[in-house]
Amino acid sequence: MDQDPFKKESHLRTKLDEYHVDIPDFPMKAKGWDWFIHLLASPTKDPLDPLVSTTSGVMTLKIAPAVGTAGLVIGQALFFF
């Protein structure tokens, strides 16, 4: 099966064949900050992914802030009284 879209368009094919592009040779040496930019742009692993993937992990994420807050309130109440 021929997939050439320019086969029927002879005028367009001749116009496209007229263009010639010279690509200059650029040095491919990395700059000093490139490693830092690549470090910032690289994807990271989600630290909560193993915890969220289980049912008990989801419940832990819901209950842990409430337990932590209650612990802080009790700690401050014992400290001030």
PDB file of N, CA and C in Angstrom:
ATOM      1  N   MET A   1       0.842  -1.174   0.000  1.00  0.00           N
ATOM      2  CA  MET A   1       0.000   0.000   0.000  1.00  0.00           C
ATOM      3  C   MET A   1       0.890   1.240   0.000  1.00  0.00           C
ATOM      4  N   ASP A   2       0.672   2.097  -0.946  1.00  0.00           N
ATOM      5  CA  ASP A   2       1.502   3.286  -1.101  1.00  0.00           C
ATOM      6  C   ASP A   2       0.912   4.422  -0.277  1.00  0.00           C
ATOM      7  N   GLN A   3       1.710   4.997   0.618  1.00  0.00           N
ATOM      8  CA  GLN A   3       1.238   6.050   1.510  1.00  0.00           C
ATOM      9  C   GLN A   3       1.833   7.411   1.174  1.00  0.00           C
ATOM     10  N   ASP A   4       2.340   7.597  -0.022  1.00  0.00           N
ATOM     11  CA  ASP A   4       2.965   8.860  -0.398  1.00  0.00           C
ATOM     12  C   ASP A   4       1.880   9.885  -0.749  1.00  0.00           C
ATOM     13  N   PRO A   5       1.649  10.907   0.095  1.00  0.00           N
ATOM     14  CA  PRO A   5       0.586  11.869  -0.191  1.00  0.00           C
ATOM     15  C   PRO A   5       0.937  12.838  -1.321  1.00  0.00           C
ATOM     16  N   PHE A   6       2.216  12.935  -1.705  1.00  0.00           N
ATOM     17  CA  PHE A   6       2.629  13.875  -2.742  1.00  0.00           C
ATOM     18  C   PHE A   6       2.686  13.231  -4.128  1.00  0.00           C
ATOM     19  N   LYS A   7       2.299  11.976  -4.222  1.00  0.00           N
ATOM     20  CA  LYS A   7       2.376  11.287  -5.505  1.00  0.00           C
ATOM     21  C   LYS A   7       1.407  11.897  -6.522  1.00  0.00           C
ATOM     22  N   LYS A   8       0.222  12.276  -6.074  1.00  0.00           N
ATOM     23  CA  LYS A   8      -0.780  12.856  -6.967  1.00  0.00           C
ATOM     24  C   LYS A   8      -0.545  14.344  -7.198  1.00  0.00           C
ATOM     25  N   GLU A   9       0.126  15.005  -6.280  1.00  0.00           N
ATOM     26  CA  GLU A   9       0.344  16.448  -6.361  1.00  0.00           C
ATOM     27  C   GLU A   9       1.727  16.724  -6.956  1.00  0.00           C
ATOM     28  N   SER A  10       1.810  16.746  -8.258  1.00  0.00           N
ATOM     29  CA  SER A  10       3.117  16.931  -8.907  1.00  0.00           C
ATOM     30  C   SER A  10       3.642  18.353  -8.710  1.00  0.00           C
ATOM     31  N   HIS A  11       2.768  19.353  -8.738  1.00  0.00           N
ATOM     32  CA  HIS A  11       3.200  20.744  -8.547  1.00  0.00           C
ATOM     33  C   HIS A  11       3.768  20.946  -7.137  1.00  0.00           C
ATOM     34  N   LEU A  12       3.078  20.391  -6.155  1.00  0.00           N
ATOM     35  CA  LEU A  12       3.555  20.506  -4.781  1.00  0.00           C
ATOM     36  C   LEU A  12       4.877  19.760  -4.589  1.00  0.00           C
ATOM     37  N   ARG A  13       4.992  18.594  -5.212  1.00  0.00           N
ATOM     38  CA  ARG A  13       6.230  17.824  -5.101  1.00  0.00           C
ATOM     39  C   ARG A  13       7.417  18.574  -5.707  1.00  0.00           C
ATOM     40  N   THR A  14       7.222  19.229  -6.830  1.00  0.00           N
ATOM     41  CA  THR A  14       8.318  19.978  -7.448  1.00  0.00           C
ATOM     42  C   THR A  14       8.709  21.180  -6.590  1.00  0.00           C
ATOM     43  N   LYS A  15       7.729  21.835  -5.992  1.00  0.00           N
ATOM     44  CA  LYS A  15       8.042  22.978  -5.116  1.00  0.00           C
ATOM     45  C   LYS A  15       8.804  22.531  -3.879  1.00  0.00           C
ATOM     46  N   LEU A  16       8.413  21.401  -3.315  1.00  0.00           N
ATOM     47  CA  LEU A  16       9.114  20.903  -2.136  1.00  0.00           C
ATOM     48  C   LEU A  16      10.526  20.433  -2.481  1.00  0.00           C
ATOM     49  N   ASP A  17      10.719  19.905  -3.662  1.00  0.00           N
ATOM     50  CA  ASP A  17      12.048  19.448  -4.069  1.00  0.00           C
ATOM     51  C   ASP A  17      12.991  20.609  -4.340  1.00  0.00           C
ATOM     52  N   GLU A  18      12.468  21.821  -4.564  1.00  0.00           N
ATOM     53  CA  GLU A  18      13.318  22.984  -4.802  1.00  0.00           C
ATOM     54  C   GLU A  18      14.061  23.432  -3.542  1.00  0.00           C
ATOM     55  N   TYR A  19      13.509  23.154  -2.392  1.00  0.00           N
ATOM     56  CA  TYR A  19      14.096  23.633  -1.138  1.00  0.00           C
ATOM     57  C   TYR A  19      15.209  22.697  -0.678  1.00  0.00           C
ATOM     58  N   HIS A  20      16.343  23.296  -0.385  1.00  0.00           N
ATOM     59  CA  HIS A  20      17.472  22.563   0.171  1.00  0.00           C
ATOM     60  C   HIS A  20      17.945  23.308   1.410  1.00  0.00           C
ATOM     61  N   VAL A  21      18.036  22.598   2.490  1.00  0.00           N
ATOM     62  CA  VAL A  21      18.415  23.209   3.764  1.00  0.00           C
ATOM     63  C   VAL A  21      19.790  22.698   4.167  1.00  0.00           C
ATOM     64  N   ASP A  22      20.685  23.643   4.426  1.00  0.00           N
ATOM     65  CA  ASP A  22      22.008  23.291   4.934  1.00  0.00           C
ATOM     66  C   ASP A  22      21.996  23.444   6.445  1.00  0.00           C
ATOM     67  N   ILE A  23      22.236  22.366   7.138  1.00  0.00           N
ATOM     68  CA  ILE A  23      22.239  22.389   8.596  1.00  0.00           C
ATOM     69  C   ILE A  23      23.672  22.564   9.060  1.00  0.00           C
ATOM     70  N   PRO A  24      23.950  23.639   9.806  1.00  0.00           N
ATOM     71  CA  PRO A  24      25.323  23.853  10.268  1.00  0.00           C
ATOM     72  C   PRO A  24      25.687  22.850  11.368  1.00  0.00           C
ATOM     73  N   ASP A  25      26.962  22.643  11.518  1.00  0.00           N
ATOM     74  CA  ASP A  25      27.462  21.716  12.525  1.00  0.00           C
ATOM     75  C   ASP A  25      27.611  22.465  13.851  1.00  0.00           C
ATOM     76  N   PHE A  26      26.741  22.151  14.810  1.00  0.00           N
ATOM     77  CA  PHE A  26      26.798  22.784  16.122  1.00  0.00           C
ATOM     78  C   PHE A  26      27.593  21.909  17.082  1.00  0.00           C
ATOM     79  N   PRO A  27      28.401  22.533  17.926  1.00  0.00           N
ATOM     80  CA  PRO A  27      29.100  21.719  18.928  1.00  0.00           C
ATOM     81  C   PRO A  27      28.095  21.206  19.958  1.00  0.00           C
ATOM     82  N   MET A  28      28.204  19.948  20.326  1.00  0.00           N
ATOM     83  CA  MET A  28      27.248  19.332  21.233  1.00  0.00           C
ATOM     84  C   MET A  28      27.791  19.227  22.662  1.00  0.00           C
ATOM     85  N   LYS A  29      28.674  20.126  23.049  1.00  0.00           N
ATOM     86  CA  LYS A  29      29.229  20.107  24.389  1.00  0.00           C
ATOM     87  C   LYS A  29      28.191  20.658  25.365  1.00  0.00           C
ATOM     88  N   ALA A  30      28.026  19.968  26.476  1.00  0.00           N
ATOM     89  CA  ALA A  30      27.040  20.397  27.470  1.00  0.00           C
ATOM     90  C   ALA A  30      27.568  21.584  28.262  1.00  0.00           C
ATOM     91  N   LYS A  31      26.654  22.464  28.610  1.00  0.00           N
ATOM     92  CA  LYS A  31      27.019  23.627  29.408  1.00  0.00           C
ATOM     93  C   LYS A  31      27.078  23.243  30.880  1.00  0.00           C
ATOM     94  N   GLY A  32      27.594  24.139  31.699  1.00  0.00           N
ATOM     95  CA  GLY A  32      27.786  23.840  33.107  1.00  0.00           C
ATOM     96  C   GLY A  32      26.505  23.622  33.888  1.00  0.00           C
ATOM     97  N   TRP A  33      25.445  24.308  33.537  1.00  0.00           N
ATOM     98  CA  TRP A  33      24.202  24.195  34.296  1.00  0.00           C
ATOM     99  C   TRP A  33      23.270  23.123  33.754  1.00  0.00           C
ATOM    100  N   ASP A  34      23.619  22.491  32.645  1.00  0.00           N
ATOM    101  CA  ASP A  34      22.723  21.499  32.046  1.00  0.00           C
ATOM    102  C   ASP A  34      22.448  20.327  32.977  1.00  0.00           C
ATOM    103  N   TRP A  35      23.440  19.862  33.708  1.00  0.00           N
ATOM    104  CA  TRP A  35      23.221  18.736  34.609  1.00  0.00           C
ATOM    105  C   TRP A  35      22.218  19.109  35.695  1.00  0.00           C
ATOM    106  N   PHE A  36      22.263  20.364  36.168  1.00  0.00           N
ATOM    107  CA  PHE A  36      21.348  20.809  37.213  1.00  0.00           C
ATOM    108  C   PHE A  36      19.926  20.926  36.670  1.00  0.00           C
ATOM    109  N   ILE A  37      19.805  21.441  35.450  1.00  0.00           N
ATOM    110  CA  ILE A  37      18.492  21.556  34.820  1.00  0.00           C
ATOM    111  C   ILE A  37      17.896  20.171  34.589  1.00  0.00           C
ATOM    112  N   HIS A  38      18.705  19.221  34.149  1.00  0.00           N
ATOM    113  CA  HIS A  38      18.220  17.859  33.946  1.00  0.00           C
ATOM    114  C   HIS A  38      17.816  17.213  35.269  1.00  0.00           C
ATOM    115  N   LEU A  39      18.527  17.540  36.324  1.00  0.00           N
ATOM    116  CA  LEU A  39      18.174  17.021  37.639  1.00  0.00           C
ATOM    117  C   LEU A  39      16.819  17.556  38.092  1.00  0.00           C
ATOM    118  N   LEU A  40      16.584  18.855  37.873  1.00  0.00           N
ATOM    119  CA  LEU A  40      15.307  19.448  38.263  1.00  0.00           C
ATOM    120  C   LEU A  40      14.159  18.969  37.384  1.00  0.00           C
ATOM    121  N   ALA A  41      14.428  18.701  36.121  1.00  0.00           N
ATOM    122  CA  ALA A  41      13.373  18.332  35.183  1.00  0.00           C
ATOM    123  C   ALA A  41      13.091  16.835  35.158  1.00  0.00           C
ATOM    124  N   SER A  42      13.906  16.030  35.814  1.00  0.00           N
ATOM    125  CA  SER A  42      13.694  14.589  35.768  1.00  0.00           C
ATOM    126  C   SER A  42      12.509  14.194  36.652  1.00  0.00           C
ATOM    127  N   PRO A  43      11.749  13.197  36.243  1.00  0.00           N
ATOM    128  CA  PRO A  43      10.609  12.769  37.055  1.00  0.00           C
ATOM    129  C   PRO A  43      11.077  12.095  38.342  1.00  0.00           C
ATOM    130  N   THR A  44      10.288  12.234  39.369  1.00  0.00           N
ATOM    131  CA  THR A  44      10.638  11.644  40.653  1.00  0.00           C
ATOM    132  C   THR A  44       9.643  10.558  41.019  1.00  0.00           C
ATOM    133  N   LYS A  45      10.049   9.727  41.952  1.00  0.00           N
ATOM    134  CA  LYS A  45       9.182   8.662  42.434  1.00  0.00           C
ATOM    135  C   LYS A  45       8.284   9.222  43.534  1.00  0.00           C
ATOM    136  N   ASP A  46       7.015   8.862  43.502  1.00  0.00           N
ATOM    137  CA  ASP A  46       6.061   9.322  44.505  1.00  0.00           C
ATOM    138  C   ASP A  46       6.316   8.568  45.812  1.00  0.00           C
ATOM    139  N   PRO A  47       6.670   9.258  46.899  1.00  0.00           N
ATOM    140  CA  PRO A  47       6.966   8.546  48.147  1.00  0.00           C
ATOM    141  C   PRO A  47       5.721   7.965  48.808  1.00  0.00           C
ATOM    142  N   LEU A  48       4.530   8.471  48.481  1.00  0.00           N
ATOM    143  CA  LEU A  48       3.306   7.961  49.083  1.00  0.00           C
ATOM    144  C   LEU A  48       2.642   6.873  48.249  1.00  0.00           C
ATOM    145  N   ASP A  49       3.212   6.519  47.109  1.00  0.00           N
ATOM    146  CA  ASP A  49       2.597   5.543  46.228  1.00  0.00           C
ATOM    147  C   ASP A  49       2.421   4.175  46.888  1.00  0.00           C
ATOM    148  N   PRO A  50       3.408   3.610  47.582  1.00  0.00           N
ATOM    149  CA  PRO A  50       3.162   2.319  48.233  1.00  0.00           C
ATOM    150  C   PRO A  50       2.098   2.411  49.331  1.00  0.00           C
ATOM    151  N   LEU A  51       1.997   3.559  49.970  1.00  0.00           N
ATOM    152  CA  LEU A  51       1.031   3.719  51.046  1.00  0.00           C
ATOM    153  C   LEU A  51      -0.388   3.873  50.504  1.00  0.00           C
ATOM    154  N   VAL A  52      -0.542   4.555  49.386  1.00  0.00           N
ATOM    155  CA  VAL A  52      -1.863   4.817  48.824  1.00  0.00           C
ATOM    156  C   VAL A  52      -2.398   3.601  48.072  1.00  0.00           C
ATOM    157  N   SER A  53      -1.539   2.703  47.644  1.00  0.00           N
ATOM    158  CA  SER A  53      -1.981   1.573  46.831  1.00  0.00           C
ATOM    159  C   SER A  53      -2.744   0.522  47.631  1.00  0.00           C
ATOM    160  N   THR A  54      -2.728   0.579  48.953  1.00  0.00           N
ATOM    161  CA  THR A  54      -3.469  -0.382  49.768  1.00  0.00           C
ATOM    162  C   THR A  54      -4.608   0.323  50.500  1.00  0.00           C
ATOM    163  N   THR A  55      -5.600  -0.445  50.898  1.00  0.00           N
ATOM    164  CA  THR A  55      -6.746   0.117  51.613  1.00  0.00           C
ATOM    165  C   THR A  55      -6.341   0.606  52.993  1.00  0.00           C
ATOM    166  N   SER A  56      -5.502  -0.156  53.663  1.00  0.00           N
ATOM    167  CA  SER A  56      -5.059   0.268  54.998  1.00  0.00           C
ATOM    168  C   SER A  56      -4.170   1.511  54.911  1.00  0.00           C
ATOM    169  N   GLY A  57      -3.456   1.658  53.824  1.00  0.00           N
ATOM    170  CA  GLY A  57      -2.625   2.843  53.642  1.00  0.00           C
ATOM    171  C   GLY A  57      -3.454   4.100  53.474  1.00  0.00           C
ATOM    172  N   VAL A  58      -4.562   3.985  52.773  1.00  0.00           N
ATOM    173  CA  VAL A  58      -5.453   5.134  52.594  1.00  0.00           C
ATOM    174  C   VAL A  58      -6.055   5.531  53.932  1.00  0.00           C
ATOM    175  N   MET A  59      -6.446   4.537  54.715  1.00  0.00           N
ATOM    176  CA  MET A  59      -7.004   4.828  56.043  1.00  0.00           C
ATOM    177  C   MET A  59      -5.943   5.457  56.941  1.00  0.00           C
ATOM    178  N   THR A  60      -4.708   5.020  56.820  1.00  0.00           N
ATOM    179  CA  THR A  60      -3.624   5.607  57.610  1.00  0.00           C
ATOM    180  C   THR A  60      -3.429   7.071  57.244  1.00  0.00           C
ATOM    181  N   LEU A  61      -3.497   7.373  55.947  1.00  0.00           N
ATOM    182  CA  LEU A  61      -3.351   8.762  55.520  1.00  0.00           C
ATOM    183  C   LEU A  61      -4.502   9.631  56.007  1.00  0.00           C
ATOM    184  N   LYS A  62      -5.666   9.046  56.221  1.00  0.00           N
ATOM    185  CA  LYS A  62      -6.807   9.812  56.718  1.00  0.00           C
ATOM    186  C   LYS A  62      -6.753   9.989  58.230  1.00  0.00           C
ATOM    187  N   ILE A  63      -6.280   8.974  58.938  1.00  0.00           N
ATOM    188  CA  ILE A  63      -6.305   8.998  60.406  1.00  0.00           C
ATOM    189  C   ILE A  63      -5.050   9.636  60.993  1.00  0.00           C
ATOM    190  N   ALA A  64      -3.916   9.510  60.342  1.00  0.00           N
ATOM    191  CA  ALA A  64      -2.650  10.010  60.895  1.00  0.00           C
ATOM    192  C   ALA A  64      -2.679  11.511  61.208  1.00  0.00           C
ATOM    193  N   PRO A  65      -3.219  12.388  60.360  1.00  0.00           N
ATOM    194  CA  PRO A  65      -3.249  13.807  60.733  1.00  0.00           C
ATOM    195  C   PRO A  65      -4.110  14.083  61.969  1.00  0.00           C
ATOM    196  N   ALA A  66      -5.224  13.364  62.106  1.00  0.00           N
ATOM    197  CA  ALA A  66      -6.079  13.563  63.275  1.00  0.00           C
ATOM    198  C   ALA A  66      -5.377  13.097  64.542  1.00  0.00           C
ATOM    199  N   VAL A  67      -4.706  11.966  64.478  1.00  0.00           N
ATOM    200  CA  VAL A  67      -3.973  11.456  65.644  1.00  0.00           C
ATOM    201  C   VAL A  67      -2.806  12.388  65.975  1.00  0.00           C
ATOM    202  N   GLY A  68      -2.116  12.881  64.980  1.00  0.00           N
ATOM    203  CA  GLY A  68      -1.009  13.808  65.220  1.00  0.00           C
ATOM    204  C   GLY A  68      -1.477  15.110  65.848  1.00  0.00           C
ATOM    205  N   THR A  69      -2.605  15.619  65.351  1.00  0.00           N
ATOM    206  CA  THR A  69      -3.150  16.855  65.911  1.00  0.00           C
ATOM    207  C   THR A  69      -3.586  16.646  67.361  1.00  0.00           C
ATOM    208  N   ALA A  70      -4.240  15.526  67.629  1.00  0.00           N
ATOM    209  CA  ALA A  70      -4.660  15.233  69.003  1.00  0.00           C
ATOM    210  C   ALA A  70      -3.442  15.091  69.915  1.00  0.00           C
ATOM    211  N   GLY A  71      -2.381  14.487  69.423  1.00  0.00           N
ATOM    212  CA  GLY A  71      -1.161  14.357  70.212  1.00  0.00           C
ATOM    213  C   GLY A  71      -0.533  15.705  70.523  1.00  0.00           C
ATOM    214  N   LEU A  72      -0.530  16.599  69.544  1.00  0.00           N
ATOM    215  CA  LEU A  72       0.014  17.936  69.789  1.00  0.00           C
ATOM    216  C   LEU A  72      -0.830  18.718  70.794  1.00  0.00           C
ATOM    217  N   VAL A  73      -2.155  18.594  70.708  1.00  0.00           N
ATOM    218  CA  VAL A  73      -3.038  19.293  71.645  1.00  0.00           C
ATOM    219  C   VAL A  73      -2.830  18.770  73.057  1.00  0.00           C
ATOM    220  N   ILE A  74      -2.758  17.471  73.200  1.00  0.00           N
ATOM    221  CA  ILE A  74      -2.540  16.883  74.533  1.00  0.00           C
ATOM    222  C   ILE A  74      -1.163  17.271  75.061  1.00  0.00           C
ATOM    223  N   GLY A  75      -0.164  17.278  74.201  1.00  0.00           N
ATOM    224  CA  GLY A  75       1.189  17.675  74.621  1.00  0.00           C
ATOM    225  C   GLY A  75       1.241  19.113  75.095  1.00  0.00           C
ATOM    226  N   GLN A  76       0.569  19.994  74.385  1.00  0.00           N
ATOM    227  CA  GLN A  76       0.552  21.408  74.809  1.00  0.00           C
ATOM    228  C   GLN A  76      -0.259  21.586  76.099  1.00  0.00           C
ATOM    229  N   ALA A  77      -1.346  20.835  76.238  1.00  0.00           N
ATOM    230  CA  ALA A  77      -2.160  20.941  77.451  1.00  0.00           C
ATOM    231  C   ALA A  77      -1.362  20.478  78.660  1.00  0.00           C
ATOM    232  N   LEU A  78      -0.581  19.407  78.516  1.00  0.00           N
ATOM    233  CA  LEU A  78       0.232  18.924  79.644  1.00  0.00           C
ATOM    234  C   LEU A  78       1.391  19.875  79.938  1.00  0.00           C
ATOM    235  N   PHE A  79       1.907  20.509  78.900  1.00  0.00           N
ATOM    236  CA  PHE A  79       3.036  21.430  79.094  1.00  0.00           C
ATOM    237  C   PHE A  79       2.607  22.709  79.805  1.00  0.00           C
ATOM    238  N   PHE A  80       1.413  23.236  79.489  1.00  0.00           N
ATOM    239  CA  PHE A  80       0.982  24.498  80.062  1.00  0.00           C
ATOM    240  C   PHE A  80       0.311  24.348  81.430  1.00  0.00           C
ATOM    241  N   PHE A  81      -0.183  23.144  81.771  1.00  0.00           N
ATOM    242  CA  PHE A  81      -0.867  22.988  83.070  1.00  0.00           C
ATOM    243  C   PHE A  81      -0.015  22.291  84.046  1.00  0.00           C
TER     244      PHE A  81
END
